[in-house]
Structures are given as structure tokens and as C-alpha cells.
Amino acid sequence: MRVDQFDFELPQELIATHPVEPRDAARLLVVDGEGALQHRSFYELPDLLEPGDLLVVNDTRVIPARLSGKKGEGRVEVTLVTPLDNERWRALGKPGRKLTPGTMIAFAEGFSATVVEKGERGEIILSFETAGRSLVDLLDAHGAMPLPPYIKRKDGPDPADRHDYQTVYAAHPGAVAAPTAGLHFTEELFGRLEERGIETAHVTLHVGLGTFQPMQAEDTRDHVMHAEWGRVSADVAAKVNDVRQAGGRIIAVGTTSVRLLESAADEDEIVQPFEGETDIFITPGYRFRAIDRMITNFHLPKSTLFMLVCAFSGIDVMKQAYGEAVAQRYRFYSYGDACLLECRA
């Protein structure tokens, strides 16, 4: 399919730079299987679901993957992308022209990295020296949250991002981008969902920066997705299958949960235990095998995420819904509002 089929007008000012408070005060656009729209609040989610439904959330934890360091007297910034082993990470760095193999970058005393390889697209591979300390602990001490490049602020990073850009149920460190649909949930909201008989299951997909990369191809067939590591436990797979067998619905929280569950589902629509990398790319024409509804934020034009929601609810329906969201001044992207989608009728 042509990538320009997924384009639409999005005023820059609708890209949210900070979240609303409290988290569940975000607006929620409900889109049913025939394209009918409702304007609701995320706080109302329990009223929009049914007892016996199952929410599936991605419990990855975002690491402070953006680091500032020194190369001699010059300043360098790197953003970690993918772990290769205990010491090496694929990363993006700037200024890229100065980061040649053999370059050493100092971040703090006893915390440095050496560029061991440079890729054709400008990415680098870093080998870290941590003086025997945990890299995760050093990132917590010296790193910053890797907010998407679309969040532009005059004052730069905000210390509140350490809290804001993390779900309340984040558990397993490894993501360099947040599963942002989950940012709207609070402990109090989970309590109300449980009271209504709506359960929650946890999967893990370590989100990579590939989710932010703009499409370079003109046709979706020419786009290559970045692989991301994920896990669906045997218990969660069995829970998903049991709920569907009993007539309940599976509501995936975020496109990351969607992609992981669909990677784990077989041709008979049975979710199997899964652990490993997935580079699944979902575009219109895909047959969904594991989910019935989806909660997701509003995505950018021509992004792989907008293509996924168009595959789920239909291109015409989603363009109409996004047009309404723009007209009603919904807030877009990572810190923005959300929608609840039903699979197209």
C-alpha cells in the first residue's frame, strides 16, 4: 500500500508536551465497529467494558536511555536503542561524524563507553565500562528519559518525566520508549475495573526507538520494522484463551500489546507462550487473531502505528475519527489523549 494513504493534517500544537493530571483525566474517543464515535473520559473506562473482559497491559519499564558525555573536550549525546549483550548496546549518537570506531565517551567517573562499530545508517555500537556496577543503576543515576523527538519543549527535559513517562505497573527494565496507552491508568482506576469484574494480565515487550522512526519508504511493502524482544508467559496465554472461550473480550492496552499478542497467536487464533524477538508489521488486510478491542493513543501521520489502527478499524473510519479528534482539539501522541477501538464490523 502507498504510505501517503495514511497521511492527514495534524496541527503541531496538538502534539502534547506534558501529560494531563491526574492520568485518567485524559479524553477518550470511543470508536465502534461501524465507525460511530463517542466522546468520553478515560476515567469512564470501567463503564465501557463488560464483566469477564480481560485487559492485557505491557509491563516493560523505560530505562533512562539518553546519556550526555564527553569526547575529549567536546560534548556528546547518545540514546540507547537495543541491547546486544551485557556490555554492548546499539545506539544513536550526535554529533555522529565524531563518533568513529575507537572513540571513548566518558559519562561519569567509572562510567564510559567505546564506539566499536558504526552502521550504514549512522547507528553505533557501544561497549560499556561500568567498573563492576550495574548498567541499569548507572543509567538511573546519570541518564534521562528518552522522550520522542516530536515532544519539543523550550525548557528542555523535565525531571517529572521520570514519573510521567512510566506506567504505574512498569516492572521489567528494558524499554527505550514507553507503552504510552498505559500512561492513563492509575491504581484507583484498576481498583474500579476489578470491582466491575474486569481482570488484567501482564505481558512484556521492550519498546525500541524504531516506534518513532519516520517511514522512508513510499510503499508499506518496502518498510523494514525494527525487532523488539517480548514475552507472553504460559499462564497469560492460557488466561487469554480461557477468557475468549468463555465469551469475554481481550482488550489490548497499546499497540505494543497488540503486536506481541498477535505474534504469539497461531492460525487457529490460539495464543501460545512466546519469548523472543518480533518484527511484525500490521497493515490493512491483516487478520487479527488475538484481540477484540484496543486502547491506544493518537498517532502521527504516515506512522506504522497509525497503519496498525487502520488495519484494526478501517482506513476510512480512522481518518474520520482522527478528523473529529483534530476538530475537537484532542491531544496527540505519547502524552496525549486516547481512543478505545473496536475491530471493524
Protein backbone atom coordinates (compact mmCIF):
# COMPACT_ATOMS: atom_id res chain seq x y z
CA MET A 1 0.00 0.00 0.00
CA ARG A 2 1.12 3.57 -0.62
CA VAL A 3 2.34 5.26 2.54
CA ASP A 4 0.65 8.54 1.54
CA GLN A 5 -2.73 6.84 2.04
CA PHE A 6 -2.06 7.19 5.77
CA ASP A 7 -1.40 10.92 5.71
CA PHE A 8 -3.62 13.52 7.37
CA GLU A 9 -3.38 17.10 8.60
CA LEU A 10 -2.15 17.39 12.18
CA PRO A 11 -1.53 20.85 13.68
CA GLN A 12 1.79 20.84 15.53
CA GLU A 13 0.20 22.38 18.62
CA LEU A 14 -1.93 19.25 19.15
CA ILE A 15 1.16 17.15 19.93
CA ALA A 16 1.12 17.11 23.73
CA THR A 17 4.33 18.12 25.51
CA HIS A 18 3.13 17.21 29.02
CA PRO A 19 0.51 14.78 30.33
CA VAL A 20 -2.74 15.76 31.98
CA GLU A 21 -3.16 15.37 35.73
CA PRO A 22 -4.45 13.10 37.05
CA ARG A 23 -3.53 10.48 34.46
CA ASP A 24 -7.06 9.16 33.97
CA ALA A 25 -8.42 12.66 33.25
CA ALA A 26 -7.34 12.23 29.61
CA ARG A 27 -10.07 12.33 26.99
CA LEU A 28 -11.17 9.06 25.38
CA LEU A 29 -12.60 8.81 21.88
CA VAL A 30 -14.65 5.62 21.55
CA VAL A 31 -14.89 4.21 18.01
CA ASP A 32 -17.23 1.25 17.48
CA GLY A 33 -17.02 -1.35 14.71
CA GLU A 34 -19.20 0.71 12.37
CA GLY A 35 -17.35 3.97 12.95
CA ALA A 36 -19.77 5.64 15.39
CA LEU A 37 -17.98 7.99 17.80
CA GLN A 38 -18.42 8.86 21.46
CA HIS A 39 -16.51 11.49 23.41
CA ARG A 40 -15.75 10.18 26.89
CA SER A 41 -13.15 10.42 29.65
CA PHE A 42 -10.55 7.74 30.35
CA TYR A 43 -11.88 7.66 33.90
CA GLU A 44 -15.09 6.16 32.47
CA LEU A 45 -13.30 3.10 31.06
CA PRO A 46 -14.89 0.61 33.52
CA ASP A 47 -18.34 1.64 32.26
CA LEU A 48 -17.30 0.96 28.67
CA LEU A 49 -16.15 -2.61 29.29
CA GLU A 50 -18.03 -5.70 30.46
CA PRO A 51 -17.51 -8.13 33.35
CA GLY A 52 -15.44 -11.01 32.05
CA ASP A 53 -13.34 -8.82 29.75
CA LEU A 54 -9.56 -9.03 30.06
CA LEU A 55 -7.17 -6.08 29.76
CA VAL A 56 -3.68 -7.02 28.55
CA VAL A 57 -1.00 -4.47 29.50
CA ASN A 58 2.68 -4.20 28.64
CA ASP A 59 4.68 -4.04 31.87
CA THR A 60 8.02 -3.09 30.37
CA ARG A 61 9.90 -0.40 32.27
CA VAL A 62 11.51 2.52 30.43
CA ILE A 63 15.18 2.99 31.24
CA PRO A 64 16.76 6.48 31.27
CA ALA A 65 18.45 5.68 27.96
CA ARG A 66 19.62 9.17 26.97
CA LEU A 67 23.15 9.99 28.12
CA SER A 68 25.30 13.11 27.88
CA GLY A 69 29.04 12.63 27.92
CA LYS A 70 32.39 13.97 26.82
CA LYS A 71 34.68 13.06 23.94
CA GLY A 72 37.82 14.94 24.90
CA GLU A 73 36.59 18.48 25.44
CA GLY A 74 33.53 18.09 23.23
CA ARG A 75 30.02 17.18 24.32
CA VAL A 76 28.30 14.05 23.00
CA GLU A 77 24.77 12.74 23.40
CA VAL A 78 23.81 9.10 22.88
CA THR A 79 20.46 7.33 23.10
CA LEU A 80 20.50 3.59 23.66
CA VAL A 81 18.31 1.61 21.27
CA THR A 82 18.82 -2.16 21.62
CA PRO A 83 20.89 -4.33 23.99
CA LEU A 84 23.19 -6.78 22.23
CA ASP A 85 24.64 -8.41 25.36
CA ASN A 86 25.54 -7.44 28.93
CA GLU A 87 28.06 -4.81 27.80
CA ARG A 88 27.11 -3.73 24.28
CA TRP A 89 24.21 -1.63 23.03
CA ARG A 90 23.15 -0.36 19.64
CA ALA A 91 22.70 3.39 19.98
CA LEU A 92 22.14 6.69 18.20
CA GLY A 93 24.68 9.42 18.79
CA LYS A 94 25.35 13.04 17.94
CA PRO A 95 27.37 14.64 16.60
CA GLY A 96 27.55 11.45 14.54
CA ARG A 97 30.57 12.48 12.46
CA LYS A 98 32.77 12.45 15.57
CA LEU A 99 31.69 9.04 16.80
CA THR A 100 34.03 6.78 14.86
CA PRO A 101 35.18 3.28 15.94
CA GLY A 102 37.62 3.55 18.81
CA THR A 103 36.10 6.76 20.21
CA MET A 104 35.78 6.74 24.01
CA ILE A 105 32.92 8.65 25.64
CA ALA A 106 33.07 9.47 29.37
CA PHE A 107 29.73 9.85 31.16
CA ALA A 108 30.85 9.86 34.79
CA GLU A 109 33.70 8.57 36.92
CA GLY A 110 33.99 4.85 36.21
CA PHE A 111 31.25 5.02 33.59
CA SER A 112 32.27 5.21 29.94
CA ALA A 113 31.71 3.59 26.56
CA THR A 114 33.76 2.92 23.46
CA VAL A 115 32.39 3.02 19.92
CA VAL A 116 33.21 -0.42 18.50
CA GLU A 117 31.26 -0.20 15.24
CA LYS A 118 29.37 2.28 13.08
CA GLY A 119 26.50 1.22 10.84
CA GLU A 120 25.49 2.38 7.38
CA ARG A 121 22.54 4.36 8.77
CA GLY A 122 24.70 6.16 11.31
CA GLU A 123 23.84 3.99 14.31
CA ILE A 124 26.73 2.98 16.55
CA ILE A 125 27.52 0.03 18.77
CA LEU A 126 28.82 0.96 22.21
CA SER A 127 30.75 -1.24 24.62
CA PHE A 128 30.30 -0.01 28.19
CA GLU A 129 32.79 0.11 31.03
CA THR A 130 30.92 0.26 34.34
CA ALA A 131 33.64 -0.54 36.90
CA GLY A 132 31.67 -3.58 38.02
CA ARG A 133 28.45 -1.69 38.66
CA SER A 134 25.05 -2.40 37.13
CA LEU A 135 24.44 -0.53 33.88
CA VAL A 136 20.78 -0.12 34.87
CA ASP A 137 21.83 1.55 38.14
CA LEU A 138 24.24 3.85 36.29
CA LEU A 139 21.54 4.82 33.81
CA ASP A 140 19.22 5.60 36.70
CA ALA A 141 21.90 7.84 38.18
CA HIS A 142 23.11 9.60 35.04
CA GLY A 143 20.57 9.09 32.23
CA ALA A 144 17.48 10.97 31.12
CA MET A 145 14.19 9.62 29.87
CA PRO A 146 14.26 9.17 26.08
CA LEU A 147 11.25 11.25 25.13
CA PRO A 148 10.19 11.09 21.47
CA PRO A 149 11.72 13.72 19.17
CA TYR A 150 8.21 15.03 18.47
CA ILE A 151 7.92 16.36 22.03
CA LYS A 152 9.55 19.76 21.69
CA ARG A 153 9.99 21.99 24.75
CA LYS A 154 11.64 25.37 25.04
CA ASP A 155 12.95 24.47 28.50
CA GLY A 156 14.23 21.00 27.57
CA PRO A 157 13.76 17.83 29.65
CA ASP A 158 11.59 17.93 32.74
CA PRO A 159 12.57 15.97 35.90
CA ALA A 160 8.89 14.96 36.16
CA ASP A 161 9.34 12.76 33.08
CA ARG A 162 10.95 10.14 35.32
CA HIS A 163 7.47 9.61 36.74
CA ASP A 164 5.24 10.78 33.92
CA TYR A 165 6.84 8.69 31.16
CA GLN A 166 6.36 5.43 33.07
CA THR A 167 3.26 3.33 33.63
CA VAL A 168 2.18 2.66 37.21
CA TYR A 169 2.64 -1.08 36.57
CA ALA A 170 6.10 -0.91 34.92
CA ALA A 171 8.14 -3.86 36.18
CA HIS A 172 10.84 -5.13 33.79
CA PRO A 173 13.55 -2.63 32.70
CA GLY A 174 14.47 -2.68 29.04
CA ALA A 175 12.32 -0.27 27.01
CA VAL A 176 13.69 2.92 25.49
CA ALA A 177 10.18 4.19 24.76
CA ALA A 178 7.03 3.98 26.88
CA PRO A 179 3.96 1.89 26.00
CA THR A 180 2.05 5.14 26.14
CA ALA A 181 -1.56 3.93 26.16
CA GLY A 182 -0.80 2.58 29.62
CA LEU A 183 0.18 6.01 30.96
CA HIS A 184 -3.51 6.82 31.54
CA PHE A 185 -4.06 4.12 34.17
CA THR A 186 -4.00 4.77 37.92
CA GLU A 187 -4.16 2.38 40.84
CA GLU A 188 -7.59 3.72 41.67
CA LEU A 189 -8.81 3.03 38.12
CA PHE A 190 -7.50 -0.53 38.31
CA GLY A 191 -9.46 -0.94 41.54
CA ARG A 192 -12.68 0.16 39.85
CA LEU A 193 -12.03 -2.16 36.90
CA GLU A 194 -11.52 -5.09 39.28
CA GLU A 195 -14.74 -4.25 41.13
CA ARG A 196 -16.59 -4.45 37.83
CA GLY A 197 -15.17 -7.91 37.13
CA ILE A 198 -12.58 -6.87 34.55
CA GLU A 199 -9.24 -8.62 35.03
CA THR A 200 -5.76 -7.58 33.95
CA ALA A 201 -2.94 -9.70 32.51
CA HIS A 202 0.68 -8.61 32.01
CA VAL A 203 2.93 -9.20 29.02
CA THR A 204 6.34 -7.65 28.34
CA LEU A 205 7.57 -6.03 25.13
CA HIS A 206 10.67 -3.87 25.38
CA VAL A 207 9.75 -0.98 23.12
CA GLY A 208 12.54 0.32 20.88
CA LEU A 209 13.14 3.67 19.22
CA GLY A 210 12.01 2.15 15.93
CA THR A 211 8.49 3.07 17.00
CA PHE A 212 9.43 6.74 16.40
CA GLN A 213 11.29 6.32 13.12
CA PRO A 214 9.54 8.05 10.23
CA MET A 215 8.67 5.94 7.21
CA GLN A 216 11.31 6.33 4.49
CA ALA A 217 9.62 4.01 2.00
CA GLU A 218 6.84 5.09 -0.35
CA ASP A 219 5.19 1.67 -0.17
CA THR A 220 4.49 -0.30 3.00
CA ARG A 221 5.97 -3.42 1.38
CA ASP A 222 9.39 -1.77 1.37
CA HIS A 223 9.44 -0.85 5.06
CA VAL A 224 11.54 -2.92 7.49
CA MET A 225 10.39 -2.97 11.11
CA HIS A 226 12.88 -2.98 13.97
CA ALA A 227 12.78 -6.16 16.03
CA GLU A 228 11.80 -5.93 19.71
CA TRP A 229 12.06 -8.54 22.45
CA GLY A 230 8.85 -9.73 24.09
CA ARG A 231 7.41 -12.39 26.34
CA VAL A 232 3.96 -13.90 26.83
CA SER A 233 4.04 -16.37 29.70
CA ALA A 234 2.24 -19.72 29.58
CA ASP A 235 -0.12 -18.51 32.32
CA VAL A 236 -1.07 -15.37 30.40
CA ALA A 237 -1.52 -17.27 27.14
CA ALA A 238 -3.85 -19.71 28.91
CA LYS A 239 -5.75 -16.82 30.53
CA VAL A 240 -6.32 -15.09 27.19
CA ASN A 241 -7.55 -18.31 25.61
CA ASP A 242 -9.83 -19.12 28.55
CA VAL A 243 -11.43 -15.66 28.50
CA ARG A 244 -12.16 -15.84 24.78
CA GLN A 245 -13.53 -19.38 25.15
CA ALA A 246 -15.88 -18.12 27.87
CA GLY A 247 -17.15 -15.30 25.63
CA GLY A 248 -15.11 -12.49 27.16
CA ARG A 249 -13.23 -9.94 25.12
CA ILE A 250 -9.50 -9.26 25.01
CA ILE A 251 -8.69 -5.55 25.23
CA ALA A 252 -5.07 -4.85 24.35
CA VAL A 253 -3.66 -1.74 26.03
CA GLY A 254 -1.43 -0.15 23.41
CA THR A 255 -0.07 -1.14 20.04
CA THR A 256 2.85 -2.91 21.73
CA SER A 257 0.49 -5.33 23.48
CA VAL A 258 -1.34 -5.80 20.17
CA ARG A 259 1.84 -6.63 18.28
CA LEU A 260 3.03 -9.06 20.94
CA LEU A 261 -0.28 -10.92 21.28
CA GLU A 262 -0.61 -11.17 17.51
CA SER A 263 2.94 -12.51 17.30
CA ALA A 264 2.02 -15.19 19.83
CA ALA A 265 -1.29 -16.22 18.20
CA ASP A 266 -1.42 -19.15 15.81
CA GLU A 267 -3.60 -19.64 12.71
CA ASP A 268 -6.36 -21.12 14.88
CA GLU A 269 -6.49 -17.90 16.95
CA ILE A 270 -4.95 -19.62 19.96
CA VAL A 271 -2.35 -17.58 21.86
CA GLN A 272 0.78 -19.62 22.54
CA PRO A 273 3.53 -18.88 25.07
CA PHE A 274 6.09 -16.65 23.37
CA GLU A 275 9.58 -15.41 24.15
CA GLY A 276 11.87 -13.79 21.62
CA GLU A 277 12.01 -11.02 19.07
CA THR A 278 9.15 -9.85 16.90
CA ASP A 279 9.20 -7.52 13.91
CA ILE A 280 5.54 -7.95 12.99
CA PHE A 281 4.27 -5.10 10.78
CA ILE A 282 0.48 -4.84 10.75
CA THR A 283 -1.19 -3.02 7.86
CA PRO A 284 -4.72 -3.09 6.38
CA GLY A 285 -5.63 -6.55 5.18
CA TYR A 286 -4.18 -8.25 8.26
CA ARG A 287 -6.50 -10.71 10.05
CA PHE A 288 -6.40 -10.13 13.81
CA ARG A 289 -6.27 -13.38 15.75
CA ALA A 290 -5.88 -12.47 19.43
CA ILE A 291 -7.68 -9.24 20.33
CA ASP A 292 -11.19 -7.80 20.23
CA ARG A 293 -10.62 -4.20 21.27
CA MET A 294 -7.68 -1.87 21.56
CA ILE A 295 -6.83 1.13 23.74
CA THR A 296 -4.27 3.37 22.11
CA ASN A 297 -3.14 6.97 21.91
CA PHE A 298 -3.45 9.15 18.81
CA HIS A 299 -0.59 8.57 16.39
CA LEU A 300 1.27 10.63 13.84
CA PRO A 301 0.52 10.75 10.10
CA LYS A 302 2.13 8.05 7.95
CA SER A 303 3.42 6.19 11.03
CA THR A 304 3.43 2.41 11.40
CA LEU A 305 1.22 2.88 14.47
CA PHE A 306 -1.47 4.72 12.50
CA MET A 307 -1.29 1.93 9.91
CA LEU A 308 -1.92 -0.62 12.65
CA VAL A 309 -5.06 1.12 13.93
CA CYS A 310 -6.28 1.49 10.34
CA ALA A 311 -5.83 -2.26 9.92
CA PHE A 312 -7.94 -2.80 13.04
CA SER A 313 -10.79 -0.35 12.47
CA GLY A 314 -10.52 0.56 8.79
CA ILE A 315 -8.76 3.41 6.99
CA ASP A 316 -11.89 5.44 6.29
CA VAL A 317 -13.17 5.00 9.85
CA MET A 318 -9.88 6.05 11.41
CA LYS A 319 -9.41 9.03 9.12
CA GLN A 320 -12.91 10.18 10.06
CA ALA A 321 -12.18 9.59 13.77
CA TYR A 322 -8.85 11.43 13.59
CA GLY A 323 -10.51 14.29 11.72
CA GLU A 324 -13.01 14.58 14.55
CA ALA A 325 -10.19 14.39 17.12
CA VAL A 326 -8.35 17.24 15.42
CA ALA A 327 -11.54 19.32 15.18
CA GLN A 328 -12.25 18.72 18.88
CA ARG A 329 -8.65 19.53 19.84
CA TYR A 330 -7.72 16.15 21.24
CA ARG A 331 -4.09 15.90 22.32
CA PHE A 332 -1.88 13.62 20.20
CA TYR A 333 0.96 11.20 20.72
CA SER A 334 2.84 9.95 23.79
CA TYR A 335 1.49 12.42 26.37
CA GLY A 336 -1.84 12.88 24.60
CA ASP A 337 -5.36 11.53 24.84
CA ALA A 338 -6.57 8.02 23.99
CA CYS A 339 -9.10 6.10 21.96
CA LEU A 340 -10.93 2.84 22.53
CA LEU A 341 -11.29 0.96 19.24
CA GLU A 342 -13.47 -1.96 18.25
CA CYS A 343 -12.46 -4.23 15.38
CA ARG A 344 -14.19 -3.14 12.17
CA ALA A 345 -17.57 -4.76 11.57
